[in-house]
Every structure is written in C-alpha cells, then in structure tokens.
C-alpha atoms as a PDB file:
ATOM      1  CA  MET A   1      71.724  61.419 120.667  1.00  0.00           C
ATOM      2  CA  ASP A   2      73.042  57.994 121.629  1.00  0.00           C
ATOM      3  CA  GLY A   3      73.561  55.538 118.840  1.00  0.00           C
ATOM      4  CA  THR A   4      75.759  54.277 116.079  1.00  0.00           C
ATOM      5  CA  VAL A   5      76.971  56.410 113.197  1.00  0.00           C
ATOM      6  CA  LEU A   6      75.973  54.477 110.085  1.00  0.00           C
ATOM      7  CA  ALA A   7      77.282  56.911 107.492  1.00  0.00           C
ATOM      8  CA  VAL A   8      79.032  60.242 107.163  1.00  0.00           C
ATOM      9  CA  ASN A   9      78.788  62.565 104.210  1.00  0.00           C
ATOM     10  CA  PRO A  10      82.060  62.149 102.281  1.00  0.00           C
ATOM     11  CA  LYS A  11      81.448  65.351 100.292  1.00  0.00           C
ATOM     12  CA  LEU A  12      82.032  67.438 103.408  1.00  0.00           C
ATOM     13  CA  GLN A  13      85.631  66.306 103.814  1.00  0.00           C
ATOM     14  CA  TYR A  14      86.658  68.421 100.846  1.00  0.00           C
ATOM     15  CA  HIS A  15      83.708  70.828 100.596  1.00  0.00           C
ATOM     16  CA  ALA A  16      82.619  71.678 104.154  1.00  0.00           C
ATOM     17  CA  GLU A  17      80.781  74.769 102.902  1.00  0.00           C
ATOM     18  CA  ILE A  18      78.023  72.490 101.588  1.00  0.00           C
ATOM     19  CA  ALA A  19      76.883  71.896 105.183  1.00  0.00           C
ATOM     20  CA  ASN A  20      75.936  75.579 105.500  1.00  0.00           C
ATOM     21  CA  ALA A  21      74.756  76.081 101.937  1.00  0.00           C
ATOM     22  CA  ASP A  22      72.481  73.028 101.718  1.00  0.00           C
ATOM     23  CA  PRO A  23      72.115  71.370 105.159  1.00  0.00           C
ATOM     24  CA  TYR A  24      68.862  69.562 104.377  1.00  0.00           C
ATOM     25  CA  ASN A  25      70.038  68.006 101.107  1.00  0.00           C
ATOM     26  CA  ASP A  26      73.662  67.618  99.982  1.00  0.00           C
ATOM     27  CA  GLY A  27      75.049  69.089 103.216  1.00  0.00           C
ATOM     28  CA  TRP A  28      73.869  66.402 105.637  1.00  0.00           C
ATOM     29  CA  LEU A  29      76.485  65.453 108.238  1.00  0.00           C
ATOM     30  CA  MET A  30      75.794  61.915 109.380  1.00  0.00           C
ATOM     31  CA  LEU A  31      73.211  59.167 109.617  1.00  0.00           C
ATOM     32  CA  ILE A  32      72.699  57.819 113.138  1.00  0.00           C
ATOM     33  CA  GLN A  33      70.927  54.649 114.241  1.00  0.00           C
ATOM     34  CA  PRO A  34      69.634  55.721 117.671  1.00  0.00           C
ATOM     35  CA  SER A  35      70.067  53.243 120.497  1.00  0.00           C
ATOM     36  CA  LYS A  36      67.551  54.906 122.813  1.00  0.00           C
ATOM     37  CA  LEU A  37      65.425  57.136 120.614  1.00  0.00           C
ATOM     38  CA  ARG A  38      62.662  57.815 123.134  1.00  0.00           C
ATOM     39  CA  THR A  39      65.144  58.818 125.835  1.00  0.00           C
ATOM     40  CA  SER A  40      67.162  60.919 123.416  1.00  0.00           C
ATOM     41  CA  LEU A  41      64.088  62.805 122.254  1.00  0.00           C
ATOM     42  CA  LYS A  42      63.146  63.545 125.858  1.00  0.00           C
ATOM     43  CA  ASN A  43      66.576  65.072 126.411  1.00  0.00           C
ATOM     44  CA  LEU A  44      66.433  67.498 123.479  1.00  0.00           C
ATOM     45  CA  LEU A  45      66.625  71.160 124.401  1.00  0.00           C
ATOM     46  CA  PHE A  46      64.039  73.708 123.280  1.00  0.00           C
ATOM     47  CA  GLY A  47      63.560  77.460 123.609  1.00  0.00           C
ATOM     48  CA  THR A  48      65.658  79.255 126.205  1.00  0.00           C
ATOM     49  CA  GLU A  49      67.418  76.027 127.231  1.00  0.00           C
ATOM     50  CA  SER A  50      68.715  75.564 123.688  1.00  0.00           C
ATOM     51  CA  LEU A  51      69.864  79.195 123.553  1.00  0.00           C
ATOM     52  CA  ALA A  52      71.742  78.783 126.854  1.00  0.00           C
ATOM     53  CA  TRP A  53      73.417  75.608 125.535  1.00  0.00           C
ATOM     54  CA  PHE A  54      74.398  77.396 122.319  1.00  0.00           C
ATOM     55  CA  ASP A  55      75.885  80.310 124.280  1.00  0.00           C
ATOM     56  CA  ASP A  56      77.856  77.869 126.437  1.00  0.00           C
ATOM     57  CA  GLN A  57      79.248  76.106 123.357  1.00  0.00           C
ATOM     58  CA  ALA A  58      80.193  79.439 121.780  1.00  0.00           C
ATOM     59  CA  ASN A  59      82.017  80.444 124.971  1.00  0.00           C
ATOM     60  CA  GLN A  60      83.886  77.138 125.049  1.00  0.00           C
ATOM     61  CA  LEU A  61      84.878  77.542 121.402  1.00  0.00           C
ATOM     62  CA  SER A  62      86.082  81.071 122.116  1.00  0.00           C
ATOM     63  CA  GLN A  63      88.258  79.760 124.946  1.00  0.00           C
ATOM     64  CA  VAL A  64      89.708  76.985 122.773  1.00  0.00           C
ATOM     65  CA  VAL A  65      90.481  79.425 119.960  1.00  0.00           C
ATOM     66  CA  HIS A  66      92.135  81.916 122.307  1.00  0.00           C
ATOM     67  CA  LYS A  67      94.164  79.267 124.146  1.00  0.00           C
ATOM     68  CA  THR A  68      95.293  77.548 120.939  1.00  0.00           C
ATOM     69  CA  THR A  69      95.868  80.462 118.569  1.00  0.00           C
ATOM     70  CA  GLY A  70      96.033  83.561 120.753  1.00  0.00           C
ATOM     71  CA  TYR A  71      93.152  85.115 118.819  1.00  0.00           C
ATOM     72  CA  ALA A  72      90.225  86.572 120.731  1.00  0.00           C
ATOM     73  CA  MET A  73      86.807  86.036 119.219  1.00  0.00           C
ATOM     74  CA  ALA A  74      84.588  89.131 119.096  1.00  0.00           C
ATOM     75  CA  ALA A  75      81.638  89.083 121.481  1.00  0.00           C
ATOM     76  CA  ALA A  76      79.612  91.341 119.221  1.00  0.00           C
ATOM     77  CA  GLY A  77      80.176  93.322 116.092  1.00  0.00           C
ATOM     78  CA  GLY A  78      82.939  91.117 114.777  1.00  0.00           C
ATOM     79  CA  GLU A  79      83.185  89.719 111.305  1.00  0.00           C
ATOM     80  CA  MET A  80      81.764  86.229 110.776  1.00  0.00           C
ATOM     81  CA  VAL A  81      83.938  83.598 109.174  1.00  0.00           C
ATOM     82  CA  LYS A  82      82.514  80.497 107.560  1.00  0.00           C
ATOM     83  CA  ASP A  83      85.373  78.208 108.491  1.00  0.00           C
ATOM     84  CA  ILE A  84      87.083  78.803 111.820  1.00  0.00           C
ATOM     85  CA  TYR A  85      89.305  75.760 111.362  1.00  0.00           C
ATOM     86  CA  GLY A  86      90.428  76.807 107.888  1.00  0.00           C
ATOM     87  CA  THR A  87      90.883  80.451 108.855  1.00  0.00           C
ATOM     88  CA  LEU A  88      92.837  80.133 112.097  1.00  0.00           C
ATOM     89  CA  PRO A  89      96.109  78.223 111.885  1.00  0.00           C
ATOM     90  CA  GLY A  90      96.970  76.013 114.829  1.00  0.00           C
ATOM     91  CA  LEU A  91      93.521  74.609 115.528  1.00  0.00           C
ATOM     92  CA  ASN A  92      93.493  70.816 115.587  1.00  0.00           C
ATOM     93  CA  TRP A  93      90.531  69.288 113.749  1.00  0.00           C
ATOM     94  CA  ASP A  94      90.478  66.128 115.874  1.00  0.00           C
ATOM     95  CA  ASP A  95      90.403  68.190 119.074  1.00  0.00           C
ATOM     96  CA  LEU A  96      87.514  70.304 117.779  1.00  0.00           C
ATOM     97  CA  VAL A  97      85.552  67.191 116.778  1.00  0.00           C
ATOM     98  CA  GLN A  98      86.197  65.541 120.159  1.00  0.00           C
ATOM     99  CA  GLN A  99      85.037  68.558 122.127  1.00  0.00           C
ATOM    100  CA  PHE A 100      82.149  69.832 120.033  1.00  0.00           C
ATOM    101  CA  LEU A 101      80.812  66.847 118.099  1.00  0.00           C
END
C-alpha cells in the first residue's frame, strides 16, 4: 500500500499483545491515506500467491533471527511465541520494522 500514515495506535507501544487479541478493534496498527488506491488494490496478493509471500517473509525472519541472535527457528513442531522481539534478546526493533513493515 502506497500512501501516508495518518495515525498509529499508541496503545500498541506498551501493549503489543492487543494487536493479536483484538486486531479489528483496539488492536489496529495504523491508518493510511492511500496515494494510489486502485493500483494498490490491484497489487494485493490472494490465495497461493499470498501463502508464498508469507512463507518468504517467515524465511527472511528466520534468517534475521539466526544471524542476530544465533537462535534457529523451528520449521515445524516448535513452540510458538507471541513476541519474538520481546523473547529474543539482541533483536533491534527499528531493523525489524524497516525490513518487515
């Protein structure tokens, strides 16, 4: 989505868990004024394309985590954590935002 961020949810700075618990109400992330809405909507991914994108992002995150902290993320069967940043010391929030948001 191309555009201007008009607002961010200040609650998430101190209570990030709200984003998972209530994403459609109190857990909203940001409000964006799209600059090219029609073009952006055409570029959205659906179905298998969205799954491939998600897998790619997960692989990139796994590489960042391993390179930064030395921890290897489990491919399958591992335990889920709600807050990778808060759980693994050494990750830089600004770097994660730059790469993934």
